[in-house]
Amino acid sequence: MLKKTTKQLYIRGQILNELYLRGPISRVDIAHNTSITPATTTEVTAKLLAERLISNAPLSAAIKSQTGSGRKKILLTITNHHSHYIGMELSRSFLSFCLTTNTGEIIDTEYISQFPTSQYNIISSAFVTQQLLRFINKHKQLNVQAIGIALPGHFKSEEKSIASVSEWQHFDIASIIEAVPLPIYLENNVHCMSLYEHLMTNKNKGQNFIFFHAVHGIFSSSIYQEDLYGKRNFSVGEIGHTIIQPDGPLCECGRKGCLQTYVGGFHIIAKARRIFENNDNTFLRSLVSSSEEITFDTVLEAYHLGDIAMIRIIKEAMQAVSVTINNLTMLIDAPKIYLHGPIFNNDITSLLLEEYIHHKNLYGKSNEINFEIVPYHELNGARGAATLAIHHYLIWSHR
């Protein structure tokens, strides 16, 4: 078989991208959206049909998508179970795996929270290698095509290292790459989750959006003109260190009032622990016996009980988020914002955000901000990493 040229792979990628973003879709609409000639579109889709990577959509999909009389368009769609991909996320507190089909259907997952650590108090790279090889071998009958890894930072491809101001600088990612006998793609974990929303949910149809992620740290990823925005500039998206209040709490970066000091999980828990130690009247004392036992769930439970200090902490956090979101919408043309993190996994924050975001919106109802909360789960990063592998290996294989 003749090897495809870069141009042929690019055209193939354009067509597959259309099918992922806007499928089921007809050949006519693919040609119109991509400016590929109808003849070339027909030729390439015929090859994809022969590979069984795509298939004709059910007749019901064609009827539903068209109105009026006349001959119905034949719609094409991505075929599920054509191939399989593994995603893995590295985190301070866990290691997770996700095996998916080429359409994002989850086949298997694993979550590991107990692991050996290195001298920098993070997970051992040797342990990660061992577990990844084990997970690959567990599914060897599926002939996995590629692997994506979601990182707690950005990947520096030249040095094969994780770009971070933390202990992850010393993590031996190169040894993992060398040990695995499959193509590996590495990216910031939030960018991976953003790619999942872009390619696999079929909700945006290629529209721009912002993915706002708040766990221990805070990062914002954006899909702009159907690609990750600013992915080569590691400063883009580091909104955790934008200043919300110049006279606010001291941040680890050395400045005061960063968004992270209001919304970051470590900071919220640290504030709650100080209140536990210095206030005899807090509801926290009825929930835990020591400050070390306080988690984010403890803070929310105390909020529900009416703890005044916890109410203030949560409200300050949501006000900081609403200010940031309003600022982001004035910088990036994105009609949708996704919010992701444990702090958003409850009715409290969604109600507060609804109130604060629209109250602080510069143009009022004429430009209401459309936000959606993506339920936080420890496997979301691994699922996104599998999407990263699909994005690079299957769709845009020319890159």
Protein backbone atom coordinates (compact mmCIF):
# COMPACT_ATOMS: atom_id res chain seq x y z
CA MET A 1 0.00 0.00 0.00
CA LEU A 2 1.31 3.42 -0.97
CA LYS A 3 2.07 5.77 1.90
CA LYS A 4 -0.25 8.78 2.02
CA THR A 5 1.28 12.21 1.44
CA THR A 6 1.04 14.96 4.04
CA LYS A 7 -1.58 16.71 1.91
CA GLN A 8 -3.67 13.54 1.62
CA LEU A 9 -3.49 13.02 5.39
CA TYR A 10 -4.49 16.64 5.95
CA ILE A 11 -7.57 16.30 3.71
CA ARG A 12 -8.44 13.04 5.46
CA GLY A 13 -8.09 14.85 8.80
CA GLN A 14 -10.37 17.68 7.67
CA ILE A 15 -13.08 15.21 6.72
CA LEU A 16 -12.76 13.17 9.91
CA ASN A 17 -12.80 16.37 11.93
CA GLU A 18 -16.10 17.38 10.28
CA LEU A 19 -17.58 13.99 11.08
CA TYR A 20 -16.54 14.20 14.73
CA LEU A 21 -17.73 17.77 15.18
CA ARG A 22 -20.85 17.91 13.03
CA GLY A 23 -21.74 14.33 12.13
CA PRO A 24 -23.89 12.69 10.97
CA ILE A 25 -23.23 14.86 7.93
CA SER A 26 -23.53 14.53 4.15
CA ARG A 27 -20.73 14.60 1.61
CA VAL A 28 -22.18 17.81 0.20
CA ASP A 29 -22.02 19.55 3.56
CA ILE A 30 -18.51 18.23 4.25
CA ALA A 31 -17.32 19.68 0.95
CA HIS A 32 -19.05 22.99 1.64
CA ASN A 33 -17.65 23.32 5.18
CA THR A 34 -14.08 22.38 4.29
CA SER A 35 -13.81 23.82 0.73
CA ILE A 36 -12.61 20.38 -0.42
CA THR A 37 -13.91 19.60 -3.91
CA PRO A 38 -16.94 17.28 -4.08
CA ALA A 39 -14.92 14.79 -6.15
CA THR A 40 -12.13 14.60 -3.57
CA THR A 41 -14.65 14.40 -0.74
CA THR A 42 -16.34 11.45 -2.45
CA GLU A 43 -12.99 9.74 -3.08
CA VAL A 44 -11.71 10.12 0.49
CA THR A 45 -15.00 9.14 2.15
CA ALA A 46 -15.10 6.03 -0.07
CA LYS A 47 -11.71 5.00 1.33
CA LEU A 48 -12.86 5.71 4.89
CA LEU A 49 -15.96 3.58 4.27
CA ALA A 50 -13.75 0.77 2.96
CA GLU A 51 -11.66 1.00 6.16
CA ARG A 52 -14.92 0.87 8.16
CA LEU A 53 -13.81 3.97 10.02
CA ILE A 54 -17.02 5.67 8.87
CA SER A 55 -20.39 4.31 7.84
CA ASN A 56 -23.75 5.42 6.48
CA ALA A 57 -25.91 6.84 9.24
CA PRO A 58 -29.33 5.23 9.86
CA LEU A 59 -32.11 6.54 7.63
CA SER A 60 -33.84 8.04 10.67
CA ALA A 61 -30.89 10.42 11.15
CA ALA A 62 -31.18 11.63 7.56
CA ILE A 63 -34.94 12.20 7.89
CA LYS A 64 -34.51 14.05 11.19
CA SER A 65 -31.81 16.35 9.79
CA GLN A 66 -33.72 17.41 6.67
CA THR A 67 -36.95 19.24 6.02
CA GLY A 68 -39.02 19.58 2.88
CA SER A 69 -39.50 17.23 -0.03
CA GLY A 70 -36.94 15.89 -2.43
CA ARG A 71 -34.23 13.32 -2.28
CA LYS A 72 -32.78 12.89 1.20
CA LYS A 73 -29.05 13.31 1.66
CA ILE A 74 -27.05 10.25 2.62
CA LEU A 75 -25.40 11.06 5.93
CA LEU A 76 -22.06 9.70 7.10
CA THR A 77 -21.04 9.03 10.68
CA ILE A 78 -18.03 7.76 12.63
CA THR A 79 -18.14 4.00 13.21
CA ASN A 80 -17.77 3.02 16.85
CA HIS A 81 -15.31 0.27 17.89
CA HIS A 82 -13.12 0.86 14.85
CA SER A 83 -10.12 1.22 17.16
CA HIS A 84 -9.22 1.68 20.84
CA TYR A 85 -7.16 4.20 22.80
CA ILE A 86 -5.83 4.53 26.35
CA GLY A 87 -5.78 7.71 28.39
CA MET A 88 -3.84 8.21 31.62
CA GLU A 89 -3.80 11.16 34.02
CA LEU A 90 -0.98 11.99 36.42
CA SER A 91 -2.07 13.84 39.54
CA ARG A 92 -0.69 14.72 42.95
CA SER A 93 -3.23 12.47 44.61
CA PHE A 94 -4.05 9.75 42.07
CA LEU A 95 -3.22 7.89 38.88
CA SER A 96 -6.13 7.10 36.57
CA PHE A 97 -6.63 5.10 33.37
CA CYS A 98 -9.37 5.05 30.77
CA LEU A 99 -9.78 2.77 27.75
CA THR A 100 -12.14 4.12 25.07
CA THR A 101 -13.28 3.38 21.57
CA ASN A 102 -12.59 5.84 18.78
CA THR A 103 -15.90 7.60 19.55
CA GLY A 104 -15.11 8.05 23.23
CA GLU A 105 -17.19 5.16 24.57
CA ILE A 106 -15.59 4.06 27.83
CA ILE A 107 -14.66 0.37 27.92
CA ASP A 108 -12.63 0.20 31.13
CA THR A 109 -11.28 2.50 33.84
CA GLU A 110 -8.92 2.25 36.79
CA TYR A 111 -8.21 4.63 39.65
CA ILE A 112 -5.19 4.34 41.96
CA SER A 113 -4.85 6.54 45.04
CA GLN A 114 -2.22 4.57 46.98
CA PHE A 115 1.23 4.54 45.41
CA PRO A 116 4.97 4.73 46.15
CA THR A 117 6.40 8.24 46.01
CA SER A 118 9.73 9.73 44.99
CA GLN A 119 11.99 11.98 47.06
CA TYR A 120 9.90 14.93 45.82
CA ASN A 121 6.78 13.45 47.42
CA ILE A 122 5.06 12.70 44.11
CA ILE A 123 4.20 9.41 42.45
CA SER A 124 7.18 7.31 41.36
CA SER A 125 7.77 7.27 37.58
CA ALA A 126 8.79 3.60 37.81
CA PHE A 127 5.40 2.79 39.38
CA VAL A 128 3.58 4.75 36.65
CA THR A 129 5.47 2.84 33.95
CA GLN A 130 4.66 -0.47 35.59
CA GLN A 131 0.95 0.33 35.89
CA LEU A 132 0.65 1.69 32.34
CA LEU A 133 2.30 -1.41 30.85
CA ARG A 134 0.02 -3.59 32.97
CA PHE A 135 -3.09 -1.73 31.73
CA ILE A 136 -1.93 -2.04 28.11
CA ASN A 137 -1.31 -5.76 28.54
CA LYS A 138 -4.71 -6.18 30.20
CA HIS A 139 -6.32 -5.06 26.92
CA LYS A 140 -3.85 -6.47 24.39
CA GLN A 141 -6.64 -8.35 22.57
CA LEU A 142 -8.13 -5.00 21.51
CA ASN A 143 -4.99 -3.89 19.68
CA VAL A 144 -4.82 -0.42 21.26
CA GLN A 145 -3.55 2.14 18.73
CA ALA A 146 -2.15 4.98 20.84
CA ILE A 147 -1.92 6.47 24.33
CA GLY A 148 -2.60 9.95 25.64
CA ILE A 149 -1.20 11.25 28.93
CA ALA A 150 -2.80 14.16 30.79
CA LEU A 151 -0.14 16.06 32.73
CA PRO A 152 -0.29 18.34 35.80
CA GLY A 153 1.52 20.97 33.72
CA HIS A 154 2.73 21.46 30.14
CA PHE A 155 4.93 19.05 28.19
CA LYS A 156 8.33 20.35 27.08
CA SER A 157 8.95 18.11 24.09
CA GLU A 158 12.63 19.04 23.62
CA GLU A 159 13.60 18.12 27.19
CA LYS A 160 10.87 15.46 27.55
CA SER A 161 9.86 16.97 30.88
CA ILE A 162 6.85 18.52 32.60
CA ALA A 163 7.06 22.31 32.65
CA SER A 164 6.00 23.33 36.13
CA VAL A 165 7.14 25.45 39.05
CA SER A 166 6.56 22.50 41.34
CA GLU A 167 8.12 19.14 42.08
CA TRP A 168 6.90 17.77 38.74
CA GLN A 169 9.96 19.28 37.07
CA HIS A 170 11.87 16.29 38.43
CA PHE A 171 9.40 13.64 37.28
CA ASP A 172 11.06 11.22 34.81
CA ILE A 173 8.49 11.31 31.99
CA ALA A 174 11.14 10.31 29.44
CA SER A 175 11.50 6.85 31.01
CA ILE A 176 7.78 6.23 30.54
CA ILE A 177 7.87 7.27 26.89
CA GLU A 178 10.84 4.98 26.22
CA ALA A 179 9.26 1.97 27.94
CA VAL A 180 5.90 2.02 26.15
CA PRO A 181 5.78 0.32 22.70
CA LEU A 182 2.95 2.53 21.37
CA PRO A 183 2.64 6.10 20.09
CA ILE A 184 2.30 8.47 23.07
CA TYR A 185 0.88 12.01 23.10
CA LEU A 186 1.27 14.29 26.11
CA GLU A 187 -0.60 17.47 27.00
CA ASN A 188 -1.76 19.60 29.91
CA ASN A 189 -4.63 17.82 31.68
CA VAL A 190 -7.10 20.69 31.26
CA HIS A 191 -6.36 20.91 27.53
CA CYS A 192 -7.15 17.18 27.36
CA MET A 193 -10.52 17.69 29.08
CA SER A 194 -11.22 20.59 26.74
CA LEU A 195 -10.55 18.36 23.72
CA TYR A 196 -13.05 15.83 25.06
CA GLU A 197 -15.80 18.46 25.18
CA HIS A 198 -14.80 19.62 21.71
CA LEU A 199 -14.69 16.26 19.92
CA MET A 200 -16.73 13.71 21.84
CA THR A 201 -19.80 15.39 23.31
CA ASN A 202 -21.25 16.65 20.01
CA LYS A 203 -22.62 19.70 21.88
CA ASN A 204 -20.59 22.53 20.38
CA LYS A 205 -20.46 21.66 16.67
CA GLY A 206 -17.06 23.34 16.42
CA GLN A 207 -17.99 26.54 18.30
CA ASN A 208 -15.48 28.36 20.48
CA PHE A 209 -15.64 27.75 24.23
CA ILE A 210 -13.67 28.18 27.46
CA PHE A 211 -13.02 25.31 29.87
CA PHE A 212 -12.44 26.66 33.39
CA HIS A 213 -10.85 24.08 35.72
CA ALA A 214 -10.47 24.59 39.47
CA VAL A 215 -9.13 21.84 41.74
CA HIS A 216 -5.91 22.45 43.68
CA GLY A 217 -4.70 24.85 41.02
CA ILE A 218 -6.71 26.79 38.44
CA PHE A 219 -6.32 26.74 34.67
CA SER A 220 -8.38 27.86 31.72
CA SER A 221 -8.27 26.08 28.35
CA SER A 222 -9.96 27.46 25.23
CA ILE A 223 -11.05 25.95 21.96
CA TYR A 224 -10.80 28.71 19.36
CA GLN A 225 -11.48 28.17 15.66
CA GLU A 226 -11.60 24.40 16.26
CA ASP A 227 -8.19 24.12 17.91
CA LEU A 228 -6.62 24.56 21.34
CA TYR A 229 -5.83 28.24 21.78
CA GLY A 230 -2.32 29.22 22.90
CA LYS A 231 -1.16 25.65 23.49
CA ARG A 232 2.45 26.53 22.66
CA ASN A 233 2.52 29.50 25.06
CA PHE A 234 2.60 28.02 28.55
CA SER A 235 1.46 31.31 30.13
CA VAL A 236 -1.88 31.27 28.31
CA GLY A 237 -4.56 29.88 30.60
CA GLU A 238 -2.70 30.40 33.90
CA ILE A 239 -5.57 32.44 35.28
CA GLY A 240 -5.04 31.14 38.81
CA HIS A 241 -2.49 33.91 39.23
CA THR A 242 -4.60 36.77 37.91
CA ILE A 243 -5.15 39.26 40.73
CA ILE A 244 -8.73 39.53 42.01
CA GLN A 245 -8.01 41.69 45.06
CA PRO A 246 -4.67 43.56 45.33
CA ASP A 247 -4.89 43.55 49.13
CA GLY A 248 -6.04 39.94 49.34
CA PRO A 249 -4.36 36.85 50.81
CA LEU A 250 -0.73 36.08 50.02
CA CYS A 251 -0.29 33.59 47.18
CA GLU A 252 2.57 31.10 46.80
CA CYS A 253 3.68 33.07 43.73
CA GLY A 254 4.61 35.97 46.04
CA ARG A 255 1.77 38.30 45.08
CA LYS A 256 -1.45 39.07 46.93
CA GLY A 257 -5.05 38.41 45.99
CA CYS A 258 -4.58 35.88 43.18
CA LEU A 259 -7.67 33.99 42.05
CA GLN A 260 -6.08 30.82 43.38
CA THR A 261 -6.15 32.13 46.95
CA TYR A 262 -9.96 32.33 46.74
CA VAL A 263 -10.89 29.31 44.61
CA GLY A 264 -8.00 26.83 44.87
CA GLY A 265 -8.84 23.74 46.91
CA PHE A 266 -5.70 23.92 49.06
CA HIS A 267 -6.41 27.54 49.99
CA ILE A 268 -10.07 26.94 50.87
CA ILE A 269 -9.15 23.99 53.09
CA ALA A 270 -6.30 25.99 54.69
CA LYS A 271 -8.72 28.83 55.56
CA ALA A 272 -11.17 26.35 57.06
CA ARG A 273 -8.44 24.74 59.14
CA ARG A 274 -7.39 28.11 60.57
CA ILE A 275 -10.99 28.82 61.51
CA PHE A 276 -11.27 25.42 63.19
CA GLU A 277 -8.18 26.13 65.28
CA ASN A 278 -9.17 29.68 66.28
CA ASN A 279 -12.97 29.64 66.53
CA ASP A 280 -14.81 27.57 69.13
CA ASN A 281 -18.22 28.30 67.58
CA THR A 282 -17.64 26.88 64.10
CA PHE A 283 -19.77 23.97 62.89
CA LEU A 284 -16.56 22.35 61.68
CA ARG A 285 -15.97 21.15 65.25
CA SER A 286 -19.14 19.03 65.07
CA LEU A 287 -17.98 17.41 61.84
CA VAL A 288 -14.32 16.54 62.50
CA SER A 289 -12.13 16.12 65.58
CA SER A 290 -9.01 17.83 64.20
CA SER A 291 -8.14 20.39 61.54
CA GLU A 292 -6.15 17.80 59.57
CA GLU A 293 -9.39 15.90 58.88
CA ILE A 294 -11.00 18.84 57.07
CA THR A 295 -11.60 18.29 53.35
CA PHE A 296 -13.49 20.31 50.79
CA ASP A 297 -16.59 18.18 51.47
CA THR A 298 -16.32 19.19 55.14
CA VAL A 299 -16.35 22.86 54.14
CA LEU A 300 -19.49 22.36 52.03
CA GLU A 301 -21.23 20.41 54.78
CA ALA A 302 -20.50 23.21 57.25
CA TYR A 303 -21.85 25.67 54.68
CA HIS A 304 -25.11 23.69 54.51
CA LEU A 305 -25.33 23.80 58.31
CA GLY A 306 -25.14 27.59 58.20
CA ASP A 307 -21.55 28.15 59.35
CA ILE A 308 -21.03 31.90 58.85
CA ALA A 309 -17.30 31.61 58.12
CA MET A 310 -17.79 28.84 55.56
CA ILE A 311 -20.58 30.82 53.87
CA ARG A 312 -18.19 33.76 53.55
CA ILE A 313 -15.42 31.56 52.07
CA ILE A 314 -17.72 29.98 49.46
CA LYS A 315 -19.32 33.30 48.51
CA GLU A 316 -15.92 34.96 48.12
CA ALA A 317 -14.83 32.06 45.90
CA MET A 318 -17.89 32.33 43.65
CA GLN A 319 -17.55 36.11 43.41
CA ALA A 320 -13.92 35.65 42.33
CA VAL A 321 -14.99 33.07 39.70
CA SER A 322 -17.72 35.35 38.35
CA VAL A 323 -15.30 38.30 38.02
CA THR A 324 -12.83 36.06 36.17
CA ILE A 325 -15.47 34.63 33.84
CA ASN A 326 -16.74 38.07 32.93
CA ASN A 327 -13.17 39.16 32.20
CA LEU A 328 -12.54 36.08 30.04
CA THR A 329 -15.63 36.73 27.91
CA MET A 330 -14.27 40.18 27.07
CA LEU A 331 -10.92 38.70 25.95
CA ILE A 332 -12.00 35.58 24.04
CA ASP A 333 -14.90 35.25 21.63
CA ALA A 334 -16.48 32.18 23.24
CA PRO A 335 -20.28 31.76 23.52
CA LYS A 336 -19.94 28.96 26.09
CA ILE A 337 -18.00 28.46 29.32
CA TYR A 338 -17.61 25.07 31.02
CA LEU A 339 -16.86 25.00 34.74
CA HIS A 340 -15.10 21.94 36.16
CA GLY A 341 -13.93 21.13 39.68
CA PRO A 342 -15.15 19.82 43.05
CA ILE A 343 -16.23 23.33 44.08
CA PHE A 344 -18.85 23.30 41.30
CA ASN A 345 -20.25 19.83 42.10
CA ASN A 346 -23.16 21.10 44.17
CA ASP A 347 -26.30 23.22 43.93
CA ILE A 348 -24.85 25.95 46.16
CA THR A 349 -22.23 27.15 43.75
CA SER A 350 -24.43 26.95 40.64
CA LEU A 351 -27.05 29.20 42.28
CA LEU A 352 -24.41 31.67 43.50
CA LEU A 353 -22.76 31.76 40.09
CA GLU A 354 -26.09 32.35 38.36
CA GLU A 355 -26.61 35.35 40.62
CA TYR A 356 -23.08 36.79 40.56
CA ILE A 357 -22.22 36.23 36.90
CA HIS A 358 -25.28 37.98 35.50
CA HIS A 359 -25.14 40.72 38.12
CA LYS A 360 -21.58 41.60 37.12
CA ASN A 361 -22.10 41.18 33.37
CA LEU A 362 -21.11 44.42 31.61
CA TYR A 363 -23.91 44.30 29.02
CA GLY A 364 -26.62 42.74 31.14
CA LYS A 365 -29.18 40.45 29.52
CA SER A 366 -28.19 41.54 26.01
CA ASN A 367 -25.01 39.49 26.39
CA GLU A 368 -25.81 36.82 28.98
CA ILE A 369 -23.00 34.40 29.71
CA ASN A 370 -23.85 30.81 28.88
CA PHE A 371 -22.09 28.56 31.39
CA GLU A 372 -22.42 24.87 32.07
CA ILE A 373 -21.04 22.84 34.94
CA VAL A 374 -19.21 19.66 33.91
CA PRO A 375 -19.53 17.22 36.85
CA TYR A 376 -16.11 16.72 38.39
CA HIS A 377 -14.75 13.18 38.44
CA GLU A 378 -11.23 11.86 38.94
CA LEU A 379 -11.45 9.99 35.61
CA ASN A 380 -12.23 13.05 33.48
CA GLY A 381 -8.55 13.74 32.82
CA ALA A 382 -7.85 10.18 31.68
CA ARG A 383 -10.92 10.28 29.43
CA GLY A 384 -9.60 13.51 27.96
CA ALA A 385 -6.17 11.96 27.47
CA ALA A 386 -7.72 9.16 25.38
CA THR A 387 -9.36 11.89 23.28
CA LEU A 388 -5.93 13.50 22.87
CA ALA A 389 -4.64 10.23 21.39
CA ILE A 390 -7.60 10.05 19.00
CA HIS A 391 -7.10 13.69 18.02
CA HIS A 392 -3.43 13.20 17.09
CA TYR A 393 -3.23 9.59 15.94
CA LEU A 394 -6.54 9.07 14.16
CA ILE A 395 -7.80 12.48 13.01
CA TRP A 396 -4.76 14.70 12.47
CA SER A 397 -2.19 11.98 11.76
CA HIS A 398 -0.21 14.28 9.46
CA ARG A 399 0.98 16.47 12.36
